């Protein structure tokens, strides 16, 4: 009626824009299930509905469910079977592939967006993920990840990139891409990394002015690998030195810990000595303590689990 400009059975031709022309039937997939044989009105000249766009056979929310299932690791062949009890119909692998391809534009826009130079702390890490391609095959791939904290304390995924490994060339290409997109590091106070030599070399080329700190979450896991599980107190006591609020406190904690554990766990002590937290000359320990608590929340782990 709104489209025609007049109500049913009204003969006022001055206000009329079109004439009714019956209806046609259409199935519509929704999150509540499949709605079969909906009556869709039509006019002689044709009309467009915001509620039901032309040629649409399923709502965008259904496409979102299909993409979410795929991102959770369900293969294109299995997505239709998994969602059929909810959606009321099974989608073919070809249909699932077409829906999933819609992610490509969003991913490309994310990787090409301009980056604000507002990060004061950046975590860098290389992780290995199992990636499923459109044919359903699972492969192990390296992913280089940058995660940032702004001056307001907001944590953000900056970017990620598939790579062949953690070589200097791979990290340099990744970091230079961030730099050219606007992340010049003018406000960067600290970069936190694992022990990758390739990453350290790349940072010296891209952000040579920014202090570098070894990631303590990685270091504590390294200590845990060198002691029996029943001696978890060794790891807990080691964490105390990383939470120190001053250099003096960190030195005291390290000396106490080393004296206690060197006789029985020399490999664990040697692991820490290579990256003694008391050797950080240019870093304020109060800031480091705050960063350590933030990193213990494992933002990169949360990202990889969602990927």
C-alpha atoms as a PDB file:
ATOM      1  CA  UNK A   1       0.000   0.000   0.000  1.00  0.00           C
ATOM      2  CA  UNK A   2       2.792   2.473   0.852  1.00  0.00           C
ATOM      3  CA  UNK A   3       4.518   1.656  -2.422  1.00  0.00           C
ATOM      4  CA  UNK A   4       1.351   2.101  -4.487  1.00  0.00           C
ATOM      5  CA  UNK A   5       0.403   5.353  -2.756  1.00  0.00           C
ATOM      6  CA  UNK A   6      -3.234   4.311  -2.266  1.00  0.00           C
ATOM      7  CA  UNK A   7      -5.090   1.738  -0.187  1.00  0.00           C
ATOM      8  CA  UNK A   8      -6.822  -1.369  -1.433  1.00  0.00           C
ATOM      9  CA  UNK A   9      -9.919  -0.689  -3.576  1.00  0.00           C
ATOM     10  CA  UNK A  10      -9.172   3.057  -3.662  1.00  0.00           C
ATOM     11  CA  UNK A  11      -9.722   4.547  -7.142  1.00  0.00           C
ATOM     12  CA  UNK A  12      -7.848   7.818  -6.630  1.00  0.00           C
ATOM     13  CA  UNK A  13      -5.595   7.793  -9.717  1.00  0.00           C
ATOM     14  CA  UNK A  14      -3.956  11.105  -8.801  1.00  0.00           C
ATOM     15  CA  UNK A  15      -2.072   9.542  -5.880  1.00  0.00           C
ATOM     16  CA  UNK A  16      -1.492   6.121  -7.452  1.00  0.00           C
ATOM     17  CA  UNK A  17       2.071   5.193  -8.446  1.00  0.00           C
ATOM     18  CA  UNK A  18       1.525   1.590  -9.559  1.00  0.00           C
ATOM     19  CA  UNK A  19      -0.938  -1.299  -9.663  1.00  0.00           C
ATOM     20  CA  UNK A  20      -1.010  -4.595  -7.798  1.00  0.00           C
ATOM     21  CA  UNK A  21      -0.095  -7.621  -9.861  1.00  0.00           C
ATOM     22  CA  UNK A  22      -0.714 -10.577  -7.554  1.00  0.00           C
ATOM     23  CA  UNK A  23       2.131 -12.307  -5.738  1.00  0.00           C
ATOM     24  CA  UNK A  24       4.708 -15.051  -6.086  1.00  0.00           C
ATOM     25  CA  UNK A  25       6.079 -17.679  -3.717  1.00  0.00           C
ATOM     26  CA  UNK A  26       9.556 -17.745  -2.218  1.00  0.00           C
ATOM     27  CA  UNK A  27      11.353 -19.797   0.446  1.00  0.00           C
ATOM     28  CA  UNK A  28      13.435 -17.785   2.935  1.00  0.00           C
ATOM     29  CA  UNK A  29      16.132 -19.157   5.223  1.00  0.00           C
ATOM     30  CA  UNK A  30      16.206 -17.541   8.678  1.00  0.00           C
ATOM     31  CA  UNK A  31      17.901 -18.216  12.001  1.00  0.00           C
ATOM     32  CA  UNK A  32      14.576 -19.598  13.227  1.00  0.00           C
ATOM     33  CA  UNK A  33      14.378 -22.084  10.377  1.00  0.00           C
ATOM     34  CA  UNK A  34      13.220 -22.237   6.770  1.00  0.00           C
ATOM     35  CA  UNK A  35      10.064 -20.266   5.954  1.00  0.00           C
ATOM     36  CA  UNK A  36       8.461 -22.046   3.008  1.00  0.00           C
ATOM     37  CA  UNK A  37       6.321 -20.546   0.252  1.00  0.00           C
ATOM     38  CA  UNK A  38       6.116 -16.985   1.513  1.00  0.00           C
ATOM     39  CA  UNK A  39       3.632 -14.822  -0.409  1.00  0.00           C
ATOM     40  CA  UNK A  40       5.607 -11.925  -1.866  1.00  0.00           C
ATOM     41  CA  UNK A  41       3.446  -9.141  -3.407  1.00  0.00           C
ATOM     42  CA  UNK A  42       4.394  -7.707  -6.775  1.00  0.00           C
ATOM     43  CA  UNK A  43       3.290  -4.795  -8.933  1.00  0.00           C
ATOM     44  CA  UNK A  44       3.047  -4.171 -12.641  1.00  0.00           C
ATOM     45  CA  UNK A  45       6.120  -1.943 -12.746  1.00  0.00           C
ATOM     46  CA  UNK A  46       8.024  -3.875 -10.101  1.00  0.00           C
ATOM     47  CA  UNK A  47       8.871  -2.871  -6.552  1.00  0.00           C
ATOM     48  CA  UNK A  48      11.708  -3.405  -4.109  1.00  0.00           C
ATOM     49  CA  UNK A  49      11.306  -4.419  -0.485  1.00  0.00           C
ATOM     50  CA  UNK A  50      13.805  -3.467   2.227  1.00  0.00           C
ATOM     51  CA  UNK A  51      12.516  -6.364   4.309  1.00  0.00           C
ATOM     52  CA  UNK A  52      13.043  -8.917   1.535  1.00  0.00           C
ATOM     53  CA  UNK A  53      15.580  -7.766  -1.089  1.00  0.00           C
ATOM     54  CA  UNK A  54      15.288  -9.088  -4.613  1.00  0.00           C
ATOM     55  CA  UNK A  55      16.623 -12.626  -5.181  1.00  0.00           C
ATOM     56  CA  UNK A  56      17.445 -13.079  -1.476  1.00  0.00           C
ATOM     57  CA  UNK A  57      16.930 -16.688  -0.392  1.00  0.00           C
ATOM     58  CA  UNK A  58      18.373 -16.394   3.112  1.00  0.00           C
ATOM     59  CA  UNK A  59      18.899 -13.648   5.658  1.00  0.00           C
ATOM     60  CA  UNK A  60      22.366 -12.231   6.259  1.00  0.00           C
ATOM     61  CA  UNK A  61      22.252 -13.640   9.779  1.00  0.00           C
ATOM     62  CA  UNK A  62      22.161 -17.133   8.233  1.00  0.00           C
ATOM     63  CA  UNK A  63      25.252 -16.319   6.180  1.00  0.00           C
ATOM     64  CA  UNK A  64      26.874 -15.239   9.435  1.00  0.00           C
ATOM     65  CA  UNK A  65      26.122 -18.623  11.016  1.00  0.00           C
ATOM     66  CA  UNK A  66      27.650 -20.414   8.028  1.00  0.00           C
ATOM     67  CA  UNK A  67      30.817 -18.295   8.223  1.00  0.00           C
ATOM     68  CA  UNK A  68      31.067 -18.811  11.980  1.00  0.00           C
ATOM     69  CA  UNK A  69      30.804 -22.591  11.583  1.00  0.00           C
ATOM     70  CA  UNK A  70      33.513 -22.536   8.925  1.00  0.00           C
ATOM     71  CA  UNK A  71      35.806 -20.394  11.072  1.00  0.00           C
ATOM     72  CA  UNK A  72      35.309 -22.852  13.932  1.00  0.00           C
ATOM     73  CA  UNK A  73      36.913 -25.544  11.792  1.00  0.00           C
ATOM     74  CA  UNK A  74      33.886 -27.247  10.218  1.00  0.00           C
ATOM     75  CA  UNK A  75      34.643 -28.217   6.607  1.00  0.00           C
ATOM     76  CA  UNK A  76      32.591 -26.868   3.711  1.00  0.00           C
ATOM     77  CA  UNK A  77      31.081 -30.326   3.220  1.00  0.00           C
ATOM     78  CA  UNK A  78      30.036 -30.629   6.850  1.00  0.00           C
ATOM     79  CA  UNK A  79      28.684 -27.106   7.457  1.00  0.00           C
ATOM     80  CA  UNK A  80      25.369 -27.895   5.772  1.00  0.00           C
ATOM     81  CA  UNK A  81      24.911 -31.082   7.795  1.00  0.00           C
ATOM     82  CA  UNK A  82      25.813 -29.385  11.090  1.00  0.00           C
ATOM     83  CA  UNK A  83      23.430 -26.454  10.618  1.00  0.00           C
ATOM     84  CA  UNK A  84      20.535 -28.344   9.025  1.00  0.00           C
ATOM     85  CA  UNK A  85      18.767 -29.074  12.369  1.00  0.00           C
ATOM     86  CA  UNK A  86      18.851 -25.337  13.167  1.00  0.00           C
ATOM     87  CA  UNK A  87      18.216 -23.798   9.750  1.00  0.00           C
ATOM     88  CA  UNK A  88      15.782 -26.387   8.438  1.00  0.00           C
ATOM     89  CA  UNK A  89      17.733 -27.074   5.244  1.00  0.00           C
ATOM     90  CA  UNK A  90      21.158 -28.301   4.217  1.00  0.00           C
ATOM     91  CA  UNK A  91      23.468 -26.104   2.166  1.00  0.00           C
ATOM     92  CA  UNK A  92      25.698 -27.671  -0.470  1.00  0.00           C
ATOM     93  CA  UNK A  93      29.511 -27.327  -0.268  1.00  0.00           C
ATOM     94  CA  UNK A  94      29.346 -24.996  -3.277  1.00  0.00           C
ATOM     95  CA  UNK A  95      26.868 -22.699  -1.508  1.00  0.00           C
ATOM     96  CA  UNK A  96      28.989 -22.695   1.644  1.00  0.00           C
ATOM     97  CA  UNK A  97      32.079 -21.803  -0.408  1.00  0.00           C
ATOM     98  CA  UNK A  98      30.264 -18.852  -2.008  1.00  0.00           C
ATOM     99  CA  UNK A  99      29.155 -17.575   1.403  1.00  0.00           C
ATOM    100  CA  UNK A 100      32.633 -17.991   2.909  1.00  0.00           C
ATOM    101  CA  UNK A 101      34.238 -16.097   0.035  1.00  0.00           C
ATOM    102  CA  UNK A 102      32.414 -13.057   1.365  1.00  0.00           C
ATOM    103  CA  UNK A 103      34.997 -13.009   4.161  1.00  0.00           C
ATOM    104  CA  UNK A 104      37.785 -12.242   1.712  1.00  0.00           C
ATOM    105  CA  UNK A 105      36.806  -8.595   1.247  1.00  0.00           C
ATOM    106  CA  UNK A 106      36.524  -8.007   4.998  1.00  0.00           C
ATOM    107  CA  UNK A 107      39.912  -9.624   5.621  1.00  0.00           C
ATOM    108  CA  UNK A 108      41.535  -7.638   2.821  1.00  0.00           C
ATOM    109  CA  UNK A 109      40.118  -4.378   4.188  1.00  0.00           C
ATOM    110  CA  UNK A 110      41.463  -5.249   7.664  1.00  0.00           C
ATOM    111  CA  UNK A 111      44.970  -5.903   6.324  1.00  0.00           C
ATOM    112  CA  UNK A 112      45.005  -2.718   4.234  1.00  0.00           C
ATOM    113  CA  UNK A 113      43.485  -0.268   6.717  1.00  0.00           C
ATOM    114  CA  UNK A 114      45.465   2.754   7.888  1.00  0.00           C
ATOM    115  CA  UNK A 115      47.021   2.155  11.313  1.00  0.00           C
ATOM    116  CA  UNK A 116      46.960   4.843  14.021  1.00  0.00           C
ATOM    117  CA  UNK A 117      50.357   5.530  15.559  1.00  0.00           C
ATOM    118  CA  UNK A 118      48.919   5.414  19.082  1.00  0.00           C
ATOM    119  CA  UNK A 119      50.296   2.178  20.522  1.00  0.00           C
ATOM    120  CA  UNK A 120      52.652   2.459  23.477  1.00  0.00           C
ATOM    121  CA  UNK A 121      53.240  -1.285  23.944  1.00  0.00           C
ATOM    122  CA  UNK A 122      53.282  -3.979  21.274  1.00  0.00           C
ATOM    123  CA  UNK A 123      53.431  -7.748  21.706  1.00  0.00           C
ATOM    124  CA  UNK A 124      54.873  -9.717  18.789  1.00  0.00           C
ATOM    125  CA  UNK A 125      54.751 -13.473  18.455  1.00  0.00           C
ATOM    126  CA  UNK A 126      54.784 -16.243  15.884  1.00  0.00           C
ATOM    127  CA  UNK A 127      52.253 -19.023  16.392  1.00  0.00           C
ATOM    128  CA  UNK A 128      51.495 -22.229  14.529  1.00  0.00           C
ATOM    129  CA  UNK A 129      47.861 -22.790  13.580  1.00  0.00           C
ATOM    130  CA  UNK A 130      45.999 -25.551  11.849  1.00  0.00           C
ATOM    131  CA  UNK A 131      44.390 -23.879   8.832  1.00  0.00           C
ATOM    132  CA  UNK A 132      41.584 -25.466   6.828  1.00  0.00           C
ATOM    133  CA  UNK A 133      41.434 -24.518   3.147  1.00  0.00           C
ATOM    134  CA  UNK A 134      38.287 -24.386   1.020  1.00  0.00           C
ATOM    135  CA  UNK A 135      38.778 -28.035   0.063  1.00  0.00           C
ATOM    136  CA  UNK A 136      38.645 -29.075   3.690  1.00  0.00           C
ATOM    137  CA  UNK A 137      42.329 -29.983   3.987  1.00  0.00           C
ATOM    138  CA  UNK A 138      44.061 -29.086   7.256  1.00  0.00           C
ATOM    139  CA  UNK A 139      47.577 -27.659   7.122  1.00  0.00           C
ATOM    140  CA  UNK A 140      49.954 -26.245   9.706  1.00  0.00           C
ATOM    141  CA  UNK A 141      50.867 -22.619   9.007  1.00  0.00           C
ATOM    142  CA  UNK A 142      52.952 -20.008  10.778  1.00  0.00           C
ATOM    143  CA  UNK A 143      51.141 -16.802  11.655  1.00  0.00           C
ATOM    144  CA  UNK A 144      52.988 -13.640  12.689  1.00  0.00           C
ATOM    145  CA  UNK A 145      50.849 -11.612  15.103  1.00  0.00           C
ATOM    146  CA  UNK A 146      51.044  -8.032  16.409  1.00  0.00           C
ATOM    147  CA  UNK A 147      48.932  -7.083  19.431  1.00  0.00           C
ATOM    148  CA  UNK A 148      48.973  -3.553  20.834  1.00  0.00           C
ATOM    149  CA  UNK A 149      48.048  -1.560  23.922  1.00  0.00           C
ATOM    150  CA  UNK A 150      47.173   2.115  23.522  1.00  0.00           C
ATOM    151  CA  UNK A 151      47.895   4.906  25.996  1.00  0.00           C
ATOM    152  CA  UNK A 152      44.261   4.580  27.145  1.00  0.00           C
ATOM    153  CA  UNK A 153      44.858   0.930  28.029  1.00  0.00           C
ATOM    154  CA  UNK A 154      42.819  -0.434  25.136  1.00  0.00           C
ATOM    155  CA  UNK A 155      44.090  -3.756  23.781  1.00  0.00           C
ATOM    156  CA  UNK A 156      43.776  -4.401  20.051  1.00  0.00           C
ATOM    157  CA  UNK A 157      44.802  -6.919  17.450  1.00  0.00           C
ATOM    158  CA  UNK A 158      46.900  -4.795  15.096  1.00  0.00           C
ATOM    159  CA  UNK A 159      47.488  -7.295  12.321  1.00  0.00           C
ATOM    160  CA  UNK A 160      48.556 -10.826  11.471  1.00  0.00           C
ATOM    161  CA  UNK A 161      50.170 -12.464   8.472  1.00  0.00           C
ATOM    162  CA  UNK A 162      50.726 -15.993   7.208  1.00  0.00           C
ATOM    163  CA  UNK A 163      54.421 -16.797   6.817  1.00  0.00           C
ATOM    164  CA  UNK A 164      56.802 -19.669   6.128  1.00  0.00           C
ATOM    165  CA  UNK A 165      58.384 -19.269   9.545  1.00  0.00           C
ATOM    166  CA  UNK A 166      59.945 -16.750  11.941  1.00  0.00           C
ATOM    167  CA  UNK A 167      62.905 -15.800   9.780  1.00  0.00           C
ATOM    168  CA  UNK A 168      64.342 -12.292   9.759  1.00  0.00           C
ATOM    169  CA  UNK A 169      62.992 -11.778   6.236  1.00  0.00           C
ATOM    170  CA  UNK A 170      59.443 -12.795   7.242  1.00  0.00           C
ATOM    171  CA  UNK A 171      59.391 -10.546  10.299  1.00  0.00           C
ATOM    172  CA  UNK A 172      60.970  -7.625   8.425  1.00  0.00           C
ATOM    173  CA  UNK A 173      58.331  -7.773   5.693  1.00  0.00           C
ATOM    174  CA  UNK A 174      55.550  -7.913   8.295  1.00  0.00           C
ATOM    175  CA  UNK A 175      56.874  -5.039  10.427  1.00  0.00           C
ATOM    176  CA  UNK A 176      57.685  -2.850   7.427  1.00  0.00           C
ATOM    177  CA  UNK A 177      54.091  -3.283   6.288  1.00  0.00           C
ATOM    178  CA  UNK A 178      52.879  -1.969   9.655  1.00  0.00           C
ATOM    179  CA  UNK A 179      55.317   0.949   9.443  1.00  0.00           C
ATOM    180  CA  UNK A 180      54.223   1.954   5.930  1.00  0.00           C
ATOM    181  CA  UNK A 181      50.568   1.865   6.972  1.00  0.00           C
ATOM    182  CA  UNK A 182      51.169   4.445   9.698  1.00  0.00           C
ATOM    183  CA  UNK A 183      52.605   2.615  12.706  1.00  0.00           C
ATOM    184  CA  UNK A 184      55.923   4.462  12.794  1.00  0.00           C
ATOM    185  CA  UNK A 185      56.470   3.851  16.502  1.00  0.00           C
ATOM    186  CA  UNK A 186      56.649   7.492  17.580  1.00  0.00           C
ATOM    187  CA  UNK A 187      54.794   6.696  20.824  1.00  0.00           C
ATOM    188  CA  UNK A 188      56.115   3.182  21.346  1.00  0.00           C
ATOM    189  CA  UNK A 189      57.687   2.696  24.785  1.00  0.00           C
ATOM    190  CA  UNK A 190      58.299  -1.039  24.685  1.00  0.00           C
ATOM    191  CA  UNK A 191      58.103  -4.055  22.368  1.00  0.00           C
ATOM    192  CA  UNK A 192      57.604  -7.457  24.005  1.00  0.00           C
ATOM    193  CA  UNK A 193      58.681 -10.572  22.090  1.00  0.00           C
ATOM    194  CA  UNK A 194      59.615 -14.212  22.481  1.00  0.00           C
ATOM    195  CA  UNK A 195      63.197 -15.365  21.955  1.00  0.00           C
ATOM    196  CA  UNK A 196      63.141 -15.380  18.138  1.00  0.00           C
ATOM    197  CA  UNK A 197      66.473 -14.158  16.775  1.00  0.00           C
ATOM    198  CA  UNK A 198      64.853 -13.327  13.436  1.00  0.00           C
ATOM    199  CA  UNK A 199      62.341 -11.050  15.136  1.00  0.00           C
ATOM    200  CA  UNK A 200      65.026  -9.276  17.149  1.00  0.00           C
ATOM    201  CA  UNK A 201      67.002  -8.582  13.980  1.00  0.00           C
ATOM    202  CA  UNK A 202      63.912  -7.275  12.167  1.00  0.00           C
ATOM    203  CA  UNK A 203      63.047  -4.934  15.047  1.00  0.00           C
ATOM    204  CA  UNK A 204      66.526  -3.454  14.824  1.00  0.00           C
ATOM    205  CA  UNK A 205      65.756  -2.459  11.241  1.00  0.00           C
ATOM    206  CA  UNK A 206      62.199  -1.145  11.624  1.00  0.00           C
ATOM    207  CA  UNK A 207      62.016   0.303  15.169  1.00  0.00           C
ATOM    208  CA  UNK A 208      65.648   0.512  16.325  1.00  0.00           C
ATOM    209  CA  UNK A 209      64.857   3.265  18.856  1.00  0.00           C
ATOM    210  CA  UNK A 210      62.295   1.225  20.832  1.00  0.00           C
ATOM    211  CA  UNK A 211      63.404  -0.814  23.905  1.00  0.00           C
ATOM    212  CA  UNK A 212      62.938  -4.555  23.574  1.00  0.00           C
ATOM    213  CA  UNK A 213      61.795  -6.891  26.348  1.00  0.00           C
ATOM    214  CA  UNK A 214      61.626 -10.670  26.407  1.00  0.00           C
ATOM    215  CA  UNK A 215      58.084 -11.944  26.945  1.00  0.00           C
ATOM    216  CA  UNK A 216      57.830 -13.259  30.508  1.00  0.00           C
ATOM    217  CA  UNK A 217      54.915 -15.540  29.784  1.00  0.00           C
ATOM    218  CA  UNK A 218      57.160 -17.399  27.343  1.00  0.00           C
ATOM    219  CA  UNK A 219      60.023 -17.403  29.844  1.00  0.00           C
ATOM    220  CA  UNK A 220      57.883 -18.833  32.642  1.00  0.00           C
ATOM    221  CA  UNK A 221      56.675 -21.569  30.324  1.00  0.00           C
ATOM    222  CA  UNK A 222      60.311 -22.338  29.494  1.00  0.00           C
ATOM    223  CA  UNK A 223      61.046 -22.676  33.225  1.00  0.00           C
ATOM    224  CA  UNK A 224      58.036 -24.952  33.650  1.00  0.00           C
ATOM    225  CA  UNK A 225      59.403 -27.221  30.915  1.00  0.00           C
ATOM    226  CA  UNK A 226      62.602 -27.713  32.935  1.00  0.00           C
ATOM    227  CA  UNK A 227      61.077 -28.691  36.285  1.00  0.00           C
ATOM    228  CA  UNK A 228      58.724 -31.524  37.308  1.00  0.00           C
ATOM    229  CA  UNK A 229      55.083 -30.635  37.643  1.00  0.00           C
ATOM    230  CA  UNK A 230      55.200 -31.328  41.374  1.00  0.00           C
ATOM    231  CA  UNK A 231      57.716 -28.477  41.757  1.00  0.00           C
ATOM    232  CA  UNK A 232      55.330 -25.803  40.539  1.00  0.00           C
ATOM    233  CA  UNK A 233      56.546 -23.542  43.341  1.00  0.00           C
ATOM    234  CA  UNK A 234      59.710 -22.988  41.294  1.00  0.00           C
ATOM    235  CA  UNK A 235      57.684 -21.311  38.558  1.00  0.00           C
ATOM    236  CA  UNK A 236      55.506 -19.373  40.997  1.00  0.00           C
ATOM    237  CA  UNK A 237      58.537 -17.994  42.818  1.00  0.00           C
ATOM    238  CA  UNK A 238      60.167 -17.060  39.528  1.00  0.00           C
ATOM    239  CA  UNK A 239      57.096 -15.039  38.624  1.00  0.00           C
ATOM    240  CA  UNK A 240      57.700 -12.828  41.676  1.00  0.00           C
ATOM    241  CA  UNK A 241      60.804 -11.255  40.130  1.00  0.00           C
ATOM    242  CA  UNK A 242      58.831 -10.291  37.036  1.00  0.00           C
ATOM    243  CA  UNK A 243      56.204  -8.575  39.151  1.00  0.00           C
ATOM    244  CA  UNK A 244      58.803  -6.451  40.903  1.00  0.00           C
ATOM    245  CA  UNK A 245      58.005  -2.760  41.185  1.00  0.00           C
ATOM    246  CA  UNK A 246      61.687  -1.711  41.208  1.00  0.00           C
ATOM    247  CA  UNK A 247      65.101  -2.865  40.021  1.00  0.00           C
ATOM    248  CA  UNK A 248      66.290  -3.516  43.584  1.00  0.00           C
ATOM    249  CA  UNK A 249      63.278  -5.689  44.350  1.00  0.00           C
ATOM    250  CA  UNK A 250      63.800  -7.641  41.114  1.00  0.00           C
ATOM    251  CA  UNK A 251      67.463  -8.257  41.949  1.00  0.00           C
ATOM    252  CA  UNK A 252      66.634  -9.476  45.457  1.00  0.00           C
ATOM    253  CA  UNK A 253      63.916 -11.796  44.142  1.00  0.00           C
ATOM    254  CA  UNK A 254      66.227 -13.226  41.507  1.00  0.00           C
ATOM    255  CA  UNK A 255      69.085 -13.866  43.951  1.00  0.00           C
ATOM    256  CA  UNK A 256      66.779 -15.605  46.436  1.00  0.00           C
ATOM    257  CA  UNK A 257      65.237 -17.724  43.730  1.00  0.00           C
ATOM    258  CA  UNK A 258      68.591 -18.644  42.149  1.00  0.00           C
ATOM    259  CA  UNK A 259      70.168 -19.635  45.499  1.00  0.00           C
ATOM    260  CA  UNK A 260      67.231 -21.894  46.291  1.00  0.00           C
ATOM    261  CA  UNK A 261      66.892 -23.662  42.957  1.00  0.00           C
ATOM    262  CA  UNK A 262      70.392 -23.715  41.451  1.00  0.00           C
ATOM    263  CA  UNK A 263      71.489 -26.888  43.341  1.00  0.00           C
ATOM    264  CA  UNK A 264      68.518 -28.956  42.146  1.00  0.00           C
ATOM    265  CA  UNK A 265      67.312 -27.199  38.991  1.00  0.00           C
ATOM    266  CA  UNK A 266      70.373 -25.597  37.353  1.00  0.00           C
ATOM    267  CA  UNK A 267      68.811 -25.664  33.874  1.00  0.00           C
ATOM    268  CA  UNK A 268      65.852 -23.600  35.056  1.00  0.00           C
ATOM    269  CA  UNK A 269      68.160 -21.044  36.696  1.00  0.00           C
ATOM    270  CA  UNK A 270      70.363 -20.852  33.597  1.00  0.00           C
ATOM    271  CA  UNK A 271      67.262 -20.256  31.494  1.00  0.00           C
ATOM    272  CA  UNK A 272      66.420 -17.166  33.547  1.00  0.00           C
ATOM    273  CA  UNK A 273      70.009 -15.920  33.746  1.00  0.00           C
ATOM    274  CA  UNK A 274      70.085 -15.524  29.966  1.00  0.00           C
ATOM    275  CA  UNK A 275      67.320 -12.916  30.277  1.00  0.00           C
ATOM    276  CA  UNK A 276      67.720 -11.646  33.832  1.00  0.00           C
ATOM    277  CA  UNK A 277      64.856  -9.195  34.500  1.00  0.00           C
ATOM    278  CA  UNK A 278      67.225  -7.026  36.539  1.00  0.00           C
ATOM    279  CA  UNK A 279      69.246  -6.234  33.391  1.00  0.00           C
ATOM    280  CA  UNK A 280      66.527  -4.030  31.871  1.00  0.00           C
ATOM    281  CA  UNK A 281      68.263  -0.651  31.985  1.00  0.00           C
ATOM    282  CA  UNK A 282      65.765   1.570  30.226  1.00  0.00           C
ATOM    283  CA  UNK A 283      62.463   0.252  31.535  1.00  0.00           C
ATOM    284  CA  UNK A 284      60.383   1.334  34.509  1.00  0.00           C
ATOM    285  CA  UNK A 285      59.560  -1.757  36.564  1.00  0.00           C
ATOM    286  CA  UNK A 286      56.131  -0.500  37.552  1.00  0.00           C
ATOM    287  CA  UNK A 287      55.216  -0.386  33.868  1.00  0.00           C
ATOM    288  CA  UNK A 288      56.655  -3.859  33.316  1.00  0.00           C
ATOM    289  CA  UNK A 289      54.623  -5.238  36.203  1.00  0.00           C
ATOM    290  CA  UNK A 290      51.458  -3.851  34.626  1.00  0.00           C
ATOM    291  CA  UNK A 291      52.380  -5.311  31.253  1.00  0.00           C
ATOM    292  CA  UNK A 292      53.100  -8.681  32.776  1.00  0.00           C
ATOM    293  CA  UNK A 293      49.610  -8.844  34.267  1.00  0.00           C
ATOM    294  CA  UNK A 294      48.132  -7.853  30.912  1.00  0.00           C
ATOM    295  CA  UNK A 295      50.131 -10.492  29.085  1.00  0.00           C
ATOM    296  CA  UNK A 296      49.146 -13.196  31.569  1.00  0.00           C
ATOM    297  CA  UNK A 297      45.618 -12.798  30.262  1.00  0.00           C
ATOM    298  CA  UNK A 298      47.020 -14.351  27.046  1.00  0.00           C
ATOM    299  CA  UNK A 299      45.469 -12.075  24.412  1.00  0.00           C
ATOM    300  CA  UNK A 300      47.345 -13.832  21.610  1.00  0.00           C
ATOM    301  CA  UNK A 301      46.124 -17.199  22.820  1.00  0.00           C
ATOM    302  CA  UNK A 302      42.564 -15.902  22.782  1.00  0.00           C
ATOM    303  CA  UNK A 303      43.097 -14.656  19.235  1.00  0.00           C
ATOM    304  CA  UNK A 304      44.491 -17.955  17.973  1.00  0.00           C
ATOM    305  CA  UNK A 305      41.679 -19.913  19.595  1.00  0.00           C
ATOM    306  CA  UNK A 306      39.135 -17.743  17.801  1.00  0.00           C
ATOM    307  CA  UNK A 307      40.960 -18.148  14.540  1.00  0.00           C
END
